[in-house]
Protein backbone atom coordinates (compact mmCIF):
# COMPACT_ATOMS: atom_id res chain seq x y z
CA MET A 1 51.71 -15.25 -41.39
CA ARG A 2 51.68 -11.50 -41.27
CA THR A 3 48.59 -9.47 -40.46
CA THR A 4 47.94 -6.17 -42.04
CA LYS A 5 46.47 -3.06 -40.44
CA SER A 6 43.15 -3.73 -42.10
CA ASP A 7 43.09 -7.28 -40.64
CA ARG A 8 43.72 -5.89 -37.18
CA ARG A 9 41.00 -3.27 -37.63
CA ASP A 10 38.47 -5.93 -38.58
CA THR A 11 39.43 -8.07 -35.60
CA ALA A 12 39.49 -5.07 -33.28
CA GLY A 13 36.08 -3.97 -34.55
CA CYS A 14 34.70 -7.44 -33.99
CA ASN A 15 36.07 -7.53 -30.46
CA ARG A 16 34.77 -4.05 -29.79
CA ARG A 17 31.28 -5.06 -30.98
CA SER A 18 31.42 -8.19 -28.82
CA ARG A 19 32.46 -6.15 -25.79
CA VAL A 20 29.68 -3.62 -26.43
CA ARG A 21 27.12 -6.43 -26.76
CA ALA A 22 28.39 -8.02 -23.56
CA ARG A 23 28.14 -4.71 -21.69
CA VAL A 24 24.63 -4.10 -23.01
CA ALA A 25 23.62 -7.61 -21.92
CA LEU A 26 25.10 -7.06 -18.44
CA LEU A 27 23.30 -3.72 -18.11
CA ALA A 28 20.02 -5.35 -19.12
CA ILE A 29 20.50 -8.08 -16.51
CA ALA A 30 21.44 -5.54 -13.84
CA ALA A 31 18.40 -3.40 -14.67
CA ALA A 32 16.13 -6.42 -14.23
CA LEU A 33 17.44 -7.23 -10.75
CA PRO A 34 15.46 -5.83 -7.80
CA LEU A 35 17.05 -3.04 -5.81
CA GLY A 36 17.63 -3.67 -2.13
CA PRO A 37 16.82 -6.80 -0.16
CA PRO A 38 13.79 -8.84 -1.19
CA VAL A 39 10.56 -8.05 0.63
CA ALA A 40 8.60 -10.94 2.10
CA ALA A 41 5.10 -11.33 0.67
CA ASN A 42 3.52 -10.70 4.06
CA GLU A 43 5.69 -7.68 4.90
CA LEU A 44 3.70 -4.47 4.72
CA GLN A 45 5.14 -1.34 3.17
CA VAL A 46 3.60 1.45 5.25
CA PRO A 47 3.10 4.63 3.20
CA GLY A 48 4.28 7.92 4.70
CA ALA A 49 0.75 9.30 4.51
CA PHE A 50 -0.33 6.60 6.97
CA GLU A 51 1.86 7.95 9.80
CA ALA A 52 -0.93 10.22 11.09
CA CYS A 53 -3.26 7.20 11.25
CA ALA A 54 -0.70 5.04 13.07
CA ALA A 55 -0.51 7.64 15.83
CA CYS A 56 -3.90 6.44 17.13
CA HIS A 57 -4.68 3.18 15.28
CA SER A 58 -2.99 -0.21 15.42
CA TYR A 59 -2.88 -1.92 12.05
CA LEU A 60 -1.22 -5.31 12.39
CA GLN A 61 -3.29 -8.47 12.78
CA ASP A 62 -4.28 -9.26 16.38
CA GLU A 63 -2.94 -5.97 17.76
CA PRO A 64 -5.24 -4.54 20.43
CA ALA A 65 -7.06 -1.27 19.98
CA GLN A 66 -5.20 1.85 20.97
CA GLU A 67 -6.81 5.26 21.29
CA ALA A 68 -8.74 4.43 18.10
CA PRO A 69 -10.00 1.07 16.77
CA PRO A 70 -7.58 -1.28 14.98
CA LEU A 71 -7.48 -1.00 11.20
CA TRP A 72 -6.62 -4.62 10.36
CA GLY A 73 -9.49 -5.83 8.18
CA VAL A 74 -11.30 -2.47 8.19
CA VAL A 75 -12.19 -2.68 4.48
CA GLY A 76 -15.30 -4.83 4.36
CA ARG A 77 -15.98 -4.52 8.10
CA ARG A 78 -19.21 -3.12 9.49
CA THR A 79 -18.83 0.37 10.94
CA ALA A 80 -18.39 0.64 14.69
CA SER A 81 -18.07 -3.15 15.01
CA VAL A 82 -14.80 -3.84 16.86
CA GLU A 83 -15.91 -5.61 20.00
CA GLY A 84 -15.03 -3.78 23.19
CA PHE A 85 -14.18 -0.47 21.53
CA ASP A 86 -16.14 2.56 22.74
CA TYR A 87 -17.28 4.28 19.53
CA SER A 88 -18.92 7.69 19.46
CA PRO A 89 -22.74 7.63 19.25
CA ALA A 90 -22.41 9.32 15.84
CA LEU A 91 -20.29 6.51 14.42
CA LYS A 92 -22.50 3.85 16.02
CA SER A 93 -25.52 5.32 14.24
CA LEU A 94 -23.76 5.46 10.85
CA GLY A 95 -24.38 1.81 10.00
CA GLY A 96 -23.24 0.01 6.87
CA VAL A 97 -19.84 -1.31 5.87
CA TRP A 98 -16.48 0.35 5.27
CA ASP A 99 -15.66 -0.01 1.59
CA ARG A 100 -13.06 1.98 -0.34
CA ALA A 101 -15.51 4.68 -1.49
CA ARG A 102 -16.91 5.19 1.99
CA LEU A 103 -13.46 5.28 3.58
CA ASP A 104 -12.36 7.76 0.92
CA GLN A 105 -15.24 10.05 1.84
CA PHE A 106 -14.57 9.64 5.57
CA LEU A 107 -10.82 10.23 5.27
CA THR A 108 -11.40 13.37 3.20
CA ASN A 109 -13.27 15.04 6.06
CA PRO A 110 -14.34 12.78 8.96
CA LYS A 111 -16.29 15.45 10.84
CA ALA A 112 -18.27 16.46 7.75
CA MET A 113 -19.26 12.86 7.01
CA VAL A 114 -19.94 11.89 10.63
CA PRO A 115 -20.64 14.98 12.76
CA GLY A 116 -19.82 14.03 16.33
CA THR A 117 -17.07 11.53 15.49
CA ARG A 118 -14.18 11.42 17.95
CA MET A 119 -11.62 11.04 15.20
CA LYS A 120 -8.92 13.65 15.76
CA LEU A 121 -7.54 13.70 12.22
CA GLY A 122 -9.07 16.55 10.27
CA GLY A 123 -8.81 14.59 7.05
CA ILE A 124 -6.39 13.83 4.26
CA GLN A 125 -7.04 16.48 1.63
CA ASP A 126 -4.43 15.36 -0.92
CA PRO A 127 -6.11 12.71 -3.13
CA THR A 128 -2.77 11.03 -3.90
CA LYS A 129 -1.91 10.60 -0.22
CA ARG A 130 -5.46 9.47 0.54
CA ALA A 131 -5.24 6.88 -2.26
CA ALA A 132 -1.97 5.57 -0.78
CA VAL A 133 -3.67 5.17 2.61
CA LEU A 134 -6.67 3.45 1.01
CA ASP A 135 -4.42 1.09 -0.97
CA PHE A 136 -2.64 0.23 2.28
CA LEU A 137 -5.91 -0.33 4.17
CA GLU A 138 -7.04 -2.74 1.44
CA ARG A 139 -3.92 -4.83 2.10
CA LEU A 140 -4.75 -5.10 5.80
CA ALA A 141 -6.88 -8.19 5.46
CA PRO A 142 -6.59 -11.90 6.09
CA GLU A 143 -5.62 -14.16 3.18
CA THR A 144 -9.28 -15.17 2.86
CA ASP A 145 -10.39 -11.68 1.97
CA ARG A 146 -13.87 -10.72 3.25
CA ARG A 147 -14.18 -8.01 0.58
CA ASP A 148 -14.91 -10.66 -2.05
CA GLN A 149 -17.87 -11.95 -0.04
CA PRO A 150 -21.25 -10.24 -0.25
CA VAL A 151 -22.53 -8.45 2.82
CA ILE A 152 -25.94 -9.79 3.81
CA GLY A 153 -28.62 -7.38 5.02
CA GLN A 154 -27.05 -4.16 3.84
């Protein structure tokens, strides 16, 4: 049986469409795959804006205090409450609990919020960078998150 040019065109067009569909499907699958190695659920992605904080603060669970108090579990923690850390009298008298709004205010300008604080960082003026630090601090908490529990006597 002989094929004509028009028969070959139809078959070629069909194959071309099939190949295009296959390529589109492969691209869709490739686009859905994560880039790079998978990240463990408990692995923390430290934002670049946090580098200034890490110069003085530890942030991993059970790490001892450095020059400044550890930041693990800071969101939801009472101010000046890390046992054994020598806080400034100004921070000791602040009272209350560190929540996101309060940390945001403090990180904007620590010395304006708490005159007499020993914190060396002058503040994080860029709201985007500050938000990245605050998001990160909110992740520094045990699985049973204290932030969901009410604070008694506030």
